[in-house]
Amino acid sequence: MVSYAIVTFPNGSADALMYLGILKDGKLFRTETRSTPLSK
């Protein structure tokens, strides 16, 4: 499972977020998140 999002914060900065979920035997086995700051 992969999900992408762009989030903005109250101070005006923004990050690109990625969520990765690995399934094993139909169950969530491992998760990982990454965040990258976006320039204006």
Protein backbone atom coordinates (compact mmCIF):
# COMPACT_ATOMS: atom_id res chain seq x y z
CA MET A 1 0.00 0.00 0.00
CA VAL A 2 1.35 3.40 -0.95
CA SER A 3 -0.16 6.78 -0.16
CA TYR A 4 1.07 10.26 -1.06
CA ALA A 5 -0.03 13.59 0.39
CA ILE A 6 1.03 17.22 0.50
CA VAL A 7 0.55 18.83 3.90
CA THR A 8 0.75 22.48 4.81
CA PHE A 9 1.53 23.75 8.29
CA PRO A 10 0.30 26.88 10.12
CA ASN A 11 3.67 28.60 9.55
CA GLY A 12 3.16 28.31 5.75
CA SER A 13 5.70 25.55 5.05
CA ALA A 14 4.68 22.42 3.14
CA ASP A 15 5.94 18.82 3.04
CA ALA A 16 5.40 15.97 0.61
CA LEU A 17 4.57 12.83 2.61
CA MET A 18 4.76 9.20 1.53
CA TYR A 19 3.34 6.26 3.48
CA LEU A 20 4.29 2.68 2.63
CA GLY A 21 2.54 -0.29 4.20
CA ILE A 22 3.77 -3.83 3.54
CA LEU A 23 1.24 -6.64 3.87
CA LYS A 24 2.11 -10.21 4.86
CA ASP A 25 -0.58 -12.89 4.98
CA GLY A 26 -3.24 -10.19 4.61
CA LYS A 27 -2.04 -8.25 7.67
CA LEU A 28 -0.05 -5.07 8.01
CA PHE A 29 3.51 -6.28 8.55
CA ARG A 30 5.64 -3.14 8.29
CA THR A 31 5.10 0.57 7.78
CA GLU A 32 7.41 3.34 6.70
CA THR A 33 6.89 7.07 6.26
CA ARG A 34 8.99 9.69 4.49
CA SER A 35 8.74 13.45 4.45
CA THR A 36 10.38 15.90 2.07
CA PRO A 37 10.18 19.67 2.59
CA LEU A 38 8.85 21.57 -0.42
CA SER A 39 10.31 24.90 -1.46
CA LYS A 40 8.00 27.79 -2.27
